Amino acid sequence: MNLRHLKFFVKLAETEHMAKAAEELDISQPSLSYAINSLEDELGVPLFEKDGRNIKLTNYGKIYLDYVKRSLAELKEGTKYIDELTDVNRGHINLGFTFTMGQDLIPRLVREFKNNPEMKNISFSFKQGTTSELVKDLINDDLDLIFASKPNDHLLHEQINPIHLIDQEIMAAVPFNHPLANQDSVTLAQLSHYPFVLYSKKSGLRPDIDHLFDKYRIKPKIKLESIEDHTIIGFVHWGYGVAIIPHLPQLAPNQVKLLHLEADKNWHSLYAITKNNHFLTPSASRFLDFSRNYCKKNYLDQHKFI
C-alpha cells in the first residue's frame, strides 16, 4: 500500500474531478489515474464511478475513505509527536525517582533545568516508587529515565546503564528523649543495644544498611520494617526504636534527633539510570546531562553529601 496513493485518493474524493485533483496535487492526470487504478487492483473493488463529466465515490469508496482519512490523521499525529520527541528544545520526559529523592533533589533539578528559557517547552511526568519498581517500568519503556539506587538484582545490570549521580549521607535517627540524643554522632555498636525500625528489603537502601551490620558483626533487633520514610520517622519519634536513614533535612529535624554515623562508609550512592542500548530522546538526554553536571559541580567535586 503506497502512502502517496492514499493521499491522492483522498484528494480525488474531495474534488470529484480528475483534472482538478491532479492540478492541486501537482501531478499529471495519467499519474493520478495510475495511482487510483493501483489501489483498486489491490483492493479488488472499484473506488470511483463516472458521474456525467465528473466522478464520484462508489459505496466501497465511501467506506474506504473514512478509514484512510483516520489512518492519515493518525500518521500525521505520530509524525508530529516524533518531531517533538526528537527536538532538544521540546518533548516530554517520563521521569521516575525513589521516595527520598523527591523531597529536594528532583524538584530542584527540574526547577533549575526549566529556568533555562530554551527548556520551557519540555514537559515532565513523574512517578515515585522503589528502585525495583522503577527499574521494571524503565525496562518496559514506561519511563525514560530514573533516579534511584543501583538494583540488587545483578541479572538486571545487563539491561540498564547506571550513572553515579550523587551520594547521600546515612545517619542515625533516635527520639529526642533517647539516651543517645545528647550526642552529635554515634556508632553502630551503640545503636545495637536498641530495637531498630528499618527500611524493608524492597528498599534500595537496605543492602547498604545490611552491609554495615555485616561489616561490624551486628545482628539488629528489628521491631518494624517499612518502605516509606515518613513511617520510619514516625515510629522512631514515638519511641519504637532507632533507625538508620538517609539525610532527610525536610522531613526529620523536627521529628527525631539526627546523629552522624561513625562508620567506614556512611553514605548511600544514588544513580541516574537509563535503559541499556536504547534510544533516549534528545530532551531526556539533555536533562540527564544537566543533572550529571549539576551534581558533579555542586556535590561530587566538593565531596559533599545531600
Protein backbone atom coordinates (compact mmCIF):
# COMPACT_ATOMS: atom_id res chain seq x y z
CA MET A 1 0.00 0.00 0.00
CA ASN A 2 1.57 3.26 -1.22
CA LEU A 3 1.10 6.19 1.18
CA ARG A 4 1.21 8.73 -1.69
CA HIS A 5 -1.54 6.83 -3.49
CA LEU A 6 -3.74 7.06 -0.40
CA LYS A 7 -3.23 10.83 -0.28
CA PHE A 8 -4.10 11.04 -4.00
CA PHE A 9 -7.26 9.03 -3.31
CA VAL A 10 -8.39 11.44 -0.59
CA LYS A 11 -7.80 14.47 -2.81
CA LEU A 12 -9.72 12.94 -5.71
CA ALA A 13 -12.59 12.07 -3.37
CA GLU A 14 -12.70 15.72 -2.25
CA THR A 15 -12.65 17.25 -5.76
CA GLU A 16 -14.52 14.51 -7.68
CA HIS A 17 -12.63 15.73 -10.74
CA MET A 18 -9.50 14.14 -12.22
CA ALA A 19 -8.03 17.29 -13.78
CA LYS A 20 -8.65 19.45 -10.70
CA ALA A 21 -7.25 16.86 -8.32
CA ALA A 22 -4.16 16.36 -10.47
CA GLU A 23 -3.60 20.12 -10.61
CA GLU A 24 -3.89 20.53 -6.82
CA LEU A 25 -1.59 17.56 -6.28
CA ASP A 26 0.85 18.96 -8.87
CA ILE A 27 0.99 15.67 -10.77
CA SER A 28 -0.14 14.59 -14.23
CA GLN A 29 -3.56 13.05 -14.82
CA PRO A 30 -2.01 9.74 -16.03
CA SER A 31 -0.05 9.55 -12.76
CA LEU A 32 -3.23 10.10 -10.77
CA SER A 33 -5.13 7.51 -12.83
CA TYR A 34 -2.30 5.02 -12.31
CA ALA A 35 -2.39 5.57 -8.52
CA ILE A 36 -6.16 5.07 -8.30
CA ASN A 37 -6.08 2.01 -10.57
CA SER A 38 -3.31 0.52 -8.41
CA LEU A 39 -5.42 0.97 -5.29
CA GLU A 40 -8.49 -0.53 -6.93
CA ASP A 41 -6.48 -3.50 -8.21
CA GLU A 42 -5.03 -4.10 -4.75
CA LEU A 43 -8.43 -3.84 -3.05
CA GLY A 44 -10.26 -5.73 -5.78
CA VAL A 45 -13.14 -3.26 -5.87
CA PRO A 46 -13.90 0.00 -7.74
CA LEU A 47 -13.46 3.17 -5.65
CA PHE A 48 -14.90 5.65 -8.17
CA GLU A 49 -17.54 5.65 -10.87
CA LYS A 50 -18.43 8.14 -13.59
CA ASP A 51 -21.00 10.82 -12.83
CA GLY A 52 -21.50 12.80 -16.02
CA ARG A 53 -18.28 14.71 -16.65
CA ASN A 54 -17.15 14.15 -13.11
CA ILE A 55 -16.62 11.10 -10.93
CA LYS A 56 -17.96 10.09 -7.55
CA LEU A 57 -17.15 7.56 -4.88
CA THR A 58 -18.70 4.12 -5.02
CA ASN A 59 -20.13 2.64 -1.82
CA TYR A 60 -16.81 0.82 -1.42
CA GLY A 61 -15.01 4.11 -1.92
CA LYS A 62 -17.08 5.87 0.75
CA ILE A 63 -16.31 3.14 3.29
CA TYR A 64 -12.62 3.10 2.41
CA LEU A 65 -12.33 6.91 2.51
CA ASP A 66 -13.37 7.00 6.16
CA TYR A 67 -10.62 4.54 7.15
CA VAL A 68 -7.97 6.23 5.01
CA LYS A 69 -8.71 9.68 6.47
CA ARG A 70 -8.48 8.36 10.01
CA SER A 71 -5.26 6.48 9.23
CA LEU A 72 -3.61 9.50 7.61
CA ALA A 73 -4.64 11.69 10.56
CA GLU A 74 -3.09 9.19 13.00
CA LEU A 75 0.10 9.09 10.96
CA LYS A 76 0.23 12.88 10.93
CA GLU A 77 -0.17 13.00 14.73
CA GLY A 78 2.51 10.32 15.11
CA THR A 79 4.91 12.27 12.90
CA LYS A 80 4.22 15.44 14.90
CA TYR A 81 4.82 13.59 18.18
CA ILE A 82 8.10 12.10 16.93
CA ASP A 83 9.21 15.56 15.81
CA GLU A 84 8.55 16.86 19.32
CA LEU A 85 10.40 13.95 20.91
CA THR A 86 13.46 14.49 18.75
CA ASP A 87 13.58 18.26 19.27
CA VAL A 88 16.08 19.12 22.02
CA ASN A 89 14.01 22.17 23.00
CA ARG A 90 10.66 20.37 23.10
CA GLY A 91 9.39 16.97 24.10
CA HIS A 92 8.17 15.15 27.16
CA ILE A 93 10.19 13.29 29.80
CA ASN A 94 8.75 10.43 31.86
CA LEU A 95 10.88 10.61 34.99
CA GLY A 96 10.91 8.15 37.88
CA PHE A 97 12.60 8.57 41.25
CA THR A 98 12.74 6.96 44.68
CA PHE A 99 10.84 8.43 47.63
CA THR A 100 13.80 10.06 49.39
CA MET A 101 14.88 11.87 46.22
CA GLY A 102 11.50 13.56 45.87
CA GLN A 103 11.98 15.76 48.92
CA ASP A 104 14.56 18.07 47.44
CA LEU A 105 16.90 16.84 44.71
CA ILE A 106 14.42 16.00 41.94
CA PRO A 107 12.24 19.14 42.24
CA ARG A 108 15.40 21.25 42.49
CA LEU A 109 16.96 19.69 39.38
CA VAL A 110 13.78 20.09 37.35
CA ARG A 111 13.34 23.69 38.52
CA GLU A 112 16.95 24.61 37.67
CA PHE A 113 16.64 22.87 34.31
CA LYS A 114 13.40 24.68 33.46
CA ASN A 115 14.90 28.03 34.44
CA ASN A 116 16.71 27.92 31.11
CA PRO A 117 14.35 29.66 28.64
CA GLU A 118 15.28 27.09 25.98
CA MET A 119 13.76 24.36 28.15
CA LYS A 120 10.34 25.98 28.71
CA ASN A 121 8.62 23.71 26.16
CA ILE A 122 9.92 20.48 27.70
CA SER A 123 7.33 18.88 29.98
CA PHE A 124 7.64 16.19 32.66
CA SER A 125 5.59 13.35 34.08
CA PHE A 126 6.69 12.00 37.46
CA LYS A 127 6.47 8.64 39.18
CA GLN A 128 7.73 7.70 42.64
CA GLY A 129 8.48 4.16 43.68
CA THR A 130 11.04 1.71 44.95
CA THR A 131 14.17 1.05 42.92
CA SER A 132 12.88 -2.35 41.77
CA GLU A 133 9.53 -0.89 40.68
CA LEU A 134 11.17 1.94 38.78
CA VAL A 135 13.69 -0.31 37.03
CA LYS A 136 10.86 -2.58 35.90
CA ASP A 137 9.00 0.41 34.43
CA LEU A 138 12.21 1.61 32.76
CA ILE A 139 12.80 -1.75 31.07
CA ASN A 140 9.15 -1.84 29.97
CA ASP A 141 9.60 1.62 28.37
CA ASP A 142 7.07 3.24 30.71
CA LEU A 143 9.80 5.59 31.97
CA ASP A 144 12.57 7.35 30.04
CA LEU A 145 14.93 7.91 32.94
CA ILE A 146 15.03 7.09 36.64
CA PHE A 147 16.95 8.37 39.66
CA ALA A 148 17.39 5.58 42.17
CA SER A 149 19.73 3.21 43.96
CA LYS A 150 21.59 0.59 41.97
CA PRO A 151 19.33 -2.51 41.88
CA ASN A 152 20.37 -5.60 43.81
CA ASP A 153 19.38 -8.00 41.03
CA HIS A 154 22.59 -8.49 39.05
CA LEU A 155 20.62 -10.00 36.16
CA LEU A 156 19.20 -6.53 35.54
CA HIS A 157 22.60 -4.91 35.21
CA GLU A 158 22.94 -6.01 31.57
CA GLN A 159 19.70 -4.20 30.74
CA ILE A 160 20.43 -0.87 32.40
CA ASN A 161 23.08 1.82 32.46
CA PRO A 162 23.56 3.30 35.96
CA ILE A 163 25.48 6.58 36.17
CA HIS A 164 26.76 7.67 39.59
CA LEU A 165 24.99 10.92 40.30
CA ILE A 166 25.36 11.87 43.94
CA ASP A 167 25.93 10.50 47.46
CA GLN A 168 23.53 10.79 50.36
CA GLU A 169 24.74 10.70 53.94
CA ILE A 170 23.44 7.83 56.05
CA MET A 171 22.55 8.97 59.57
CA ALA A 172 21.12 7.56 62.77
CA ALA A 173 17.70 8.71 63.98
CA VAL A 174 16.67 8.50 67.62
CA PRO A 175 13.81 10.04 69.65
CA PHE A 176 14.56 13.39 71.32
CA ASN A 177 14.28 11.77 74.76
CA HIS A 178 16.60 8.89 73.88
CA PRO A 179 19.82 8.30 75.90
CA LEU A 180 21.88 8.87 72.73
CA ALA A 181 20.09 12.12 71.80
CA ASN A 182 22.66 14.31 73.56
CA GLN A 183 25.40 13.16 71.16
CA ASP A 184 26.32 14.51 67.73
CA SER A 185 27.48 11.15 66.39
CA VAL A 186 27.03 7.50 67.22
CA THR A 187 28.48 4.09 66.37
CA LEU A 188 26.59 1.04 65.21
CA ALA A 189 27.69 -0.72 68.37
CA GLN A 190 25.93 1.93 70.46
CA LEU A 191 22.78 1.67 68.34
CA SER A 192 22.76 -2.14 68.53
CA HIS A 193 21.54 -2.03 72.14
CA TYR A 194 18.15 -0.76 70.94
CA PRO A 195 15.46 -2.16 68.62
CA PHE A 196 15.58 -0.96 65.01
CA VAL A 197 12.95 0.46 62.71
CA LEU A 198 14.43 -0.49 59.33
CA TYR A 199 13.74 0.00 55.66
CA SER A 200 12.22 -3.13 54.15
CA LYS A 201 14.15 -5.35 51.79
CA LYS A 202 12.31 -3.71 48.86
CA SER A 203 14.22 -0.51 49.54
CA GLY A 204 17.36 0.26 47.55
CA LEU A 205 18.95 1.49 50.79
CA ARG A 206 18.51 -1.77 52.68
CA PRO A 207 21.54 -3.58 51.12
CA ASP A 208 23.85 -0.76 52.29
CA ILE A 209 22.40 -0.97 55.80
CA ASP A 210 22.73 -4.76 55.87
CA HIS A 211 26.32 -4.45 54.64
CA LEU A 212 27.11 -2.15 57.57
CA PHE A 213 25.60 -4.62 60.03
CA ASP A 214 27.62 -7.48 58.49
CA LYS A 215 30.82 -5.46 58.44
CA TYR A 216 30.56 -4.63 62.13
CA ARG A 217 29.14 -8.08 63.02
CA ILE A 218 25.90 -6.71 64.38
CA LYS A 219 22.62 -8.61 64.41
CA PRO A 220 19.94 -5.93 64.73
CA LYS A 221 16.82 -6.45 66.79
CA ILE A 222 14.21 -5.46 64.19
CA LYS A 223 10.98 -4.06 65.60
CA LEU A 224 9.44 -2.90 62.34
CA GLU A 225 10.22 -2.69 58.62
CA SER A 226 8.78 -0.14 56.21
CA ILE A 227 9.39 1.11 52.69
CA GLU A 228 8.28 4.64 53.45
CA ASP A 229 10.38 7.38 55.09
CA HIS A 230 7.55 9.08 56.98
CA THR A 231 6.53 5.80 58.58
CA ILE A 232 10.06 5.07 59.79
CA ILE A 233 10.47 8.58 61.21
CA GLY A 234 7.05 8.41 62.85
CA PHE A 235 7.76 5.16 64.68
CA VAL A 236 11.17 6.42 65.82
CA HIS A 237 9.57 9.65 67.03
CA TRP A 238 7.14 7.69 69.20
CA GLY A 239 9.84 5.54 70.75
CA TYR A 240 9.52 2.24 68.91
CA GLY A 241 13.23 2.09 68.20
CA VAL A 242 16.15 3.72 66.41
CA ALA A 243 16.73 3.88 62.68
CA ILE A 244 19.37 4.30 60.02
CA ILE A 245 18.06 6.69 57.39
CA PRO A 246 19.36 8.84 54.55
CA HIS A 247 19.80 12.50 55.34
CA LEU A 248 16.30 13.94 55.01
CA PRO A 249 16.57 17.62 56.01
CA GLN A 250 12.98 18.49 55.09
CA LEU A 251 11.49 15.52 56.89
CA ALA A 252 13.41 14.64 60.02
CA PRO A 253 14.78 17.54 62.16
CA ASN A 254 11.53 18.40 63.93
CA GLN A 255 10.57 14.76 64.46
CA VAL A 256 13.74 12.96 65.56
CA LYS A 257 17.32 13.68 66.54
CA LEU A 258 19.71 13.01 63.67
CA LEU A 259 23.18 11.76 64.54
CA HIS A 260 26.18 11.34 62.28
CA LEU A 261 27.04 7.68 61.87
CA GLU A 262 30.61 6.69 62.69
CA ALA A 263 31.29 4.04 60.05
CA ASP A 264 33.75 3.39 57.22
CA LYS A 265 31.05 4.05 54.59
CA ASN A 266 28.38 6.32 55.95
CA TRP A 267 26.81 7.25 52.65
CA HIS A 268 24.46 5.79 50.08
CA SER A 269 25.17 6.23 46.36
CA LEU A 270 22.38 7.31 44.04
CA TYR A 271 22.30 6.91 40.28
CA ALA A 272 20.73 8.22 37.12
CA ILE A 273 19.66 5.07 35.27
CA THR A 274 18.76 4.60 31.62
CA LYS A 275 17.85 1.51 29.63
CA ASN A 276 20.91 -0.01 28.02
CA ASN A 277 21.22 0.11 24.20
CA HIS A 278 18.01 2.11 23.99
CA PHE A 279 17.18 5.38 22.25
CA LEU A 280 16.98 8.29 24.67
CA THR A 281 15.08 11.30 23.36
CA PRO A 282 17.12 14.49 22.97
CA SER A 283 15.11 16.24 25.70
CA ALA A 284 15.68 13.37 28.17
CA SER A 285 19.35 13.19 27.20
CA ARG A 286 19.68 16.92 27.76
CA PHE A 287 18.11 16.66 31.22
CA LEU A 288 20.39 13.73 32.08
CA ASP A 289 23.48 15.72 31.07
CA PHE A 290 22.27 18.73 33.04
CA SER A 291 21.65 16.63 36.16
CA ARG A 292 25.06 14.95 35.97
CA ASN A 293 26.89 18.25 35.55
CA TYR A 294 24.87 19.95 38.30
CA CYS A 295 25.54 17.18 40.82
CA LYS A 296 29.19 16.90 39.86
CA LYS A 297 29.80 20.63 40.23
CA ASN A 298 27.81 21.16 43.43
CA TYR A 299 28.41 17.88 45.24
CA LEU A 300 30.83 15.26 43.93
CA ASP A 301 33.64 17.70 43.12
CA GLN A 302 33.22 19.30 46.55
CA HIS A 303 32.93 15.94 48.34
CA LYS A 304 29.54 16.99 49.65
CA PHE A 305 26.57 14.79 50.54
CA ILE A 306 22.96 15.68 50.00
